[in-house]
Protein backbone atom coordinates (compact mmCIF):
# COMPACT_ATOMS: atom_id res chain seq x y z
CA MET A 1 16.69 -2.22 0.94
CA HIS A 2 19.45 -0.23 0.97
CA SER A 3 19.79 2.92 2.89
CA ASP A 4 18.79 6.62 1.39
CA PRO A 5 21.42 8.76 1.88
CA HIS A 6 19.86 10.80 4.34
CA SER A 7 18.51 7.95 6.53
CA LEU A 8 20.25 7.59 9.64
CA ILE A 9 19.36 3.32 9.51
CA GLY A 10 21.81 1.63 7.66
CA ASP A 11 21.70 -2.28 6.83
CA GLU A 12 23.21 -2.96 10.66
CA HIS A 13 20.74 -0.63 12.53
CA ALA A 14 17.96 -2.32 9.99
CA ALA A 15 18.80 -5.54 10.73
CA LEU A 16 18.61 -5.24 14.33
CA ILE A 17 15.25 -3.52 14.31
CA GLU A 18 14.20 -6.06 11.94
CA HIS A 19 15.03 -8.69 14.60
CA ARG A 20 14.16 -10.32 17.67
CA VAL A 21 14.19 -7.43 19.52
CA SER A 22 12.25 -5.55 22.74
CA ILE A 23 10.38 -2.61 21.44
CA MET A 24 9.70 0.28 24.20
CA VAL A 25 7.25 3.14 22.96
CA GLY A 26 8.11 5.99 24.64
CA SER A 27 6.12 9.77 25.25
CA ARG A 28 5.21 12.30 26.82
CA ASP A 29 2.42 14.84 27.89
CA ALA A 30 2.08 18.23 28.34
CA GLY A 31 3.35 18.16 31.56
CA LEU A 32 6.38 16.10 31.05
CA ARG A 33 5.18 12.88 32.30
CA PRO A 34 6.34 10.31 30.34
CA HIS A 35 4.07 6.93 29.19
CA LEU A 36 5.34 3.55 28.15
CA LEU A 37 4.29 1.05 25.97
CA ARG A 38 5.79 -2.23 24.14
CA ALA A 39 5.20 -2.31 20.30
CA VAL A 40 4.73 -5.55 18.69
CA GLY A 41 6.15 -4.84 15.45
CA CYS A 42 8.05 -2.14 13.56
CA ARG A 43 8.23 -2.06 9.84
CA LEU A 44 10.74 0.71 7.79
CA SER A 45 9.66 2.63 4.84
CA ALA A 46 12.08 1.55 1.66
CA ASP A 47 14.00 4.32 2.08
CA ARG A 48 14.42 3.59 6.02
CA ARG A 49 13.70 7.22 7.33
CA ARG A 50 9.83 6.93 8.25
CA ALA A 51 9.11 3.66 10.68
CA THR A 52 5.70 2.26 11.72
CA LEU A 53 5.18 0.64 14.88
CA LEU A 54 2.15 -1.83 15.65
CA VAL A 55 0.80 -0.93 18.94
CA PRO A 56 -2.37 -2.49 20.74
CA GLU A 57 -4.54 0.39 21.21
CA ARG A 58 -6.78 0.03 24.55
CA SER A 59 -3.50 -0.59 26.19
CA SER A 60 -2.33 2.26 24.66
CA GLY A 61 -3.93 4.76 25.62
CA GLU A 62 -1.84 7.47 27.47
CA VAL A 63 1.02 6.92 24.31
CA LEU A 64 -1.54 7.57 21.98
CA SER A 65 -3.08 10.56 23.87
CA ASP A 66 0.54 11.71 23.52
CA LEU A 67 1.44 11.39 20.40
CA ARG A 68 -1.67 12.69 18.77
CA ASP A 69 -0.97 16.37 20.93
CA ASN A 70 2.72 16.53 20.27
CA GLY A 71 3.85 14.15 17.88
CA ARG A 72 6.94 13.48 20.07
CA ILE A 73 8.38 9.84 20.02
CA ALA A 74 11.60 7.64 21.50
CA VAL A 75 11.68 4.19 20.60
CA VAL A 76 14.08 1.86 22.03
CA PHE A 77 15.16 -1.56 20.00
CA SER A 78 16.98 -3.83 22.36
CA GLN A 79 18.14 -7.48 21.97
CA PRO A 80 17.68 -9.24 25.06
CA THR A 81 20.35 -11.68 24.53
CA SER A 82 22.86 -9.15 23.34
CA ASN A 83 21.91 -5.89 25.06
CA ARG A 84 22.32 -4.44 21.23
CA THR A 85 20.31 -1.32 21.45
CA LEU A 86 19.41 1.34 19.43
CA GLN A 87 17.04 4.28 20.08
CA LEU A 88 15.46 6.60 17.56
CA LYS A 89 13.45 9.32 17.83
CA GLY A 90 10.81 11.62 15.92
CA ASN A 91 8.40 14.68 16.52
CA ASP A 92 5.79 13.65 13.83
CA ALA A 93 4.35 10.94 14.72
CA SER A 94 0.92 10.34 14.06
CA ILE A 95 -2.01 7.34 14.08
CA GLY A 96 -3.67 5.37 11.85
CA PRO A 97 -5.23 2.05 10.55
CA CYS A 98 -2.93 -1.02 9.97
CA GLY A 99 -2.32 -2.46 7.17
CA PRO A 100 -3.11 -5.78 5.52
CA ASP A 101 -0.20 -7.32 6.25
CA ASP A 102 0.49 -6.23 9.70
CA ALA A 103 -1.32 -9.15 11.61
CA ALA A 104 1.33 -11.03 10.26
CA LEU A 105 3.99 -9.38 10.81
CA ALA A 106 3.08 -8.60 14.35
CA ASP A 107 2.55 -12.65 14.95
CA ARG A 108 6.23 -12.63 13.23
CA TYR A 109 7.69 -10.34 15.67
CA VAL A 110 5.81 -12.09 18.58
CA GLN A 111 7.50 -15.33 17.41
CA GLY A 112 10.66 -13.99 17.10
CA PHE A 113 10.64 -12.52 20.92
CA VAL A 114 9.51 -16.06 22.18
CA GLU A 115 12.55 -17.65 20.36
CA GLU A 116 14.67 -14.45 21.60
CA ILE A 117 13.89 -14.63 25.75
CA GLY A 118 13.45 -18.21 25.24
CA ARG A 119 17.62 -18.32 24.73
CA LEU A 120 17.67 -17.36 27.99
CA GLY A 121 15.96 -19.63 30.10
CA PHE A 122 12.28 -17.55 29.73
CA ASN A 123 8.99 -19.56 28.50
CA ALA A 124 6.48 -18.62 25.77
CA GLY A 125 4.00 -18.05 28.53
CA LEU A 126 5.99 -14.84 29.46
CA ALA A 127 6.41 -13.63 25.76
CA HIS A 128 2.91 -13.97 25.26
CA THR A 129 1.61 -11.90 28.69
CA ILE A 130 4.36 -9.06 27.54
CA LEU A 131 3.13 -8.76 24.52
CA SER A 132 -0.57 -9.51 24.39
CA ARG A 133 -2.27 -10.18 20.73
CA ASP A 134 -5.44 -9.90 21.83
CA ASP A 135 -5.65 -6.22 21.15
CA THR A 136 -6.86 -4.47 18.15
CA LEU A 137 -3.47 -3.15 17.09
CA VAL A 138 -3.12 0.40 15.22
CA ALA A 139 0.07 1.95 13.13
CA VAL A 140 2.16 4.65 14.48
CA HIS A 141 4.12 6.12 11.87
CA PHE A 142 6.75 8.84 12.55
CA THR A 143 10.27 10.51 10.64
CA ILE A 144 12.97 9.52 11.75
CA ALA A 145 14.31 12.80 13.38
CA GLU A 146 17.43 11.13 15.62
CA ALA A 147 19.37 8.27 16.00
CA PHE A 148 21.19 7.07 19.27
CA GLU A 149 23.85 3.67 20.09
CA GLN A 150 22.50 2.38 23.33
CA THR A 151 24.40 -0.73 23.86
CA PRO A 152 25.78 -0.47 26.92
CA GLY A 153 29.64 0.14 26.67
CA PRO A 154 31.30 3.53 25.39
CA SER A 155 29.56 4.49 22.68
CA ALA A 156 26.28 4.33 24.74
CA GLY A 157 24.10 7.77 24.06
CA GLU A 158 26.61 8.64 20.93
CA PRO A 159 24.15 10.03 17.96
CA VAL A 160 23.90 7.88 14.94
CA THR A 161 25.89 10.52 12.51
CA SER A 162 25.76 7.64 9.42
CA PRO A 163 24.20 4.77 8.31
CA ALA A 164 26.16 1.67 10.09
CA ARG A 165 26.82 -0.52 7.53
């Protein structure tokens, strides 16, 4: 998959998003109160201009309510073993049903996360507790409006202005 010239997501960022990362989804309500949840998978559109997150429906109530209300979303992808981190933002988040391949994507994601934190000495039970798959999943779709390098170091917080190759 090659990125669209209008996408902020190049090969390097796509590899991070699709690798063994922690995915934190943030929203805010009308009173500017933040809400967070963990996603259990992400897929990018072919042109890498849109992202779809897989989230547990019952435990995502506040975030899903915020997204329905204002569409504003921030997502952080962070690889625990390297601290490589990327933040994406969007203004048009929408919620829909998962596709036919999304359960398998979520299972692969959870297994990858188990392996990733296992490299840091954490057992699989912790990952399965953090990323419970006992809930119905819904898909959160959004257009990637902004991207920020968030890896600790001198470039942290810098906007991504062109795709990293």
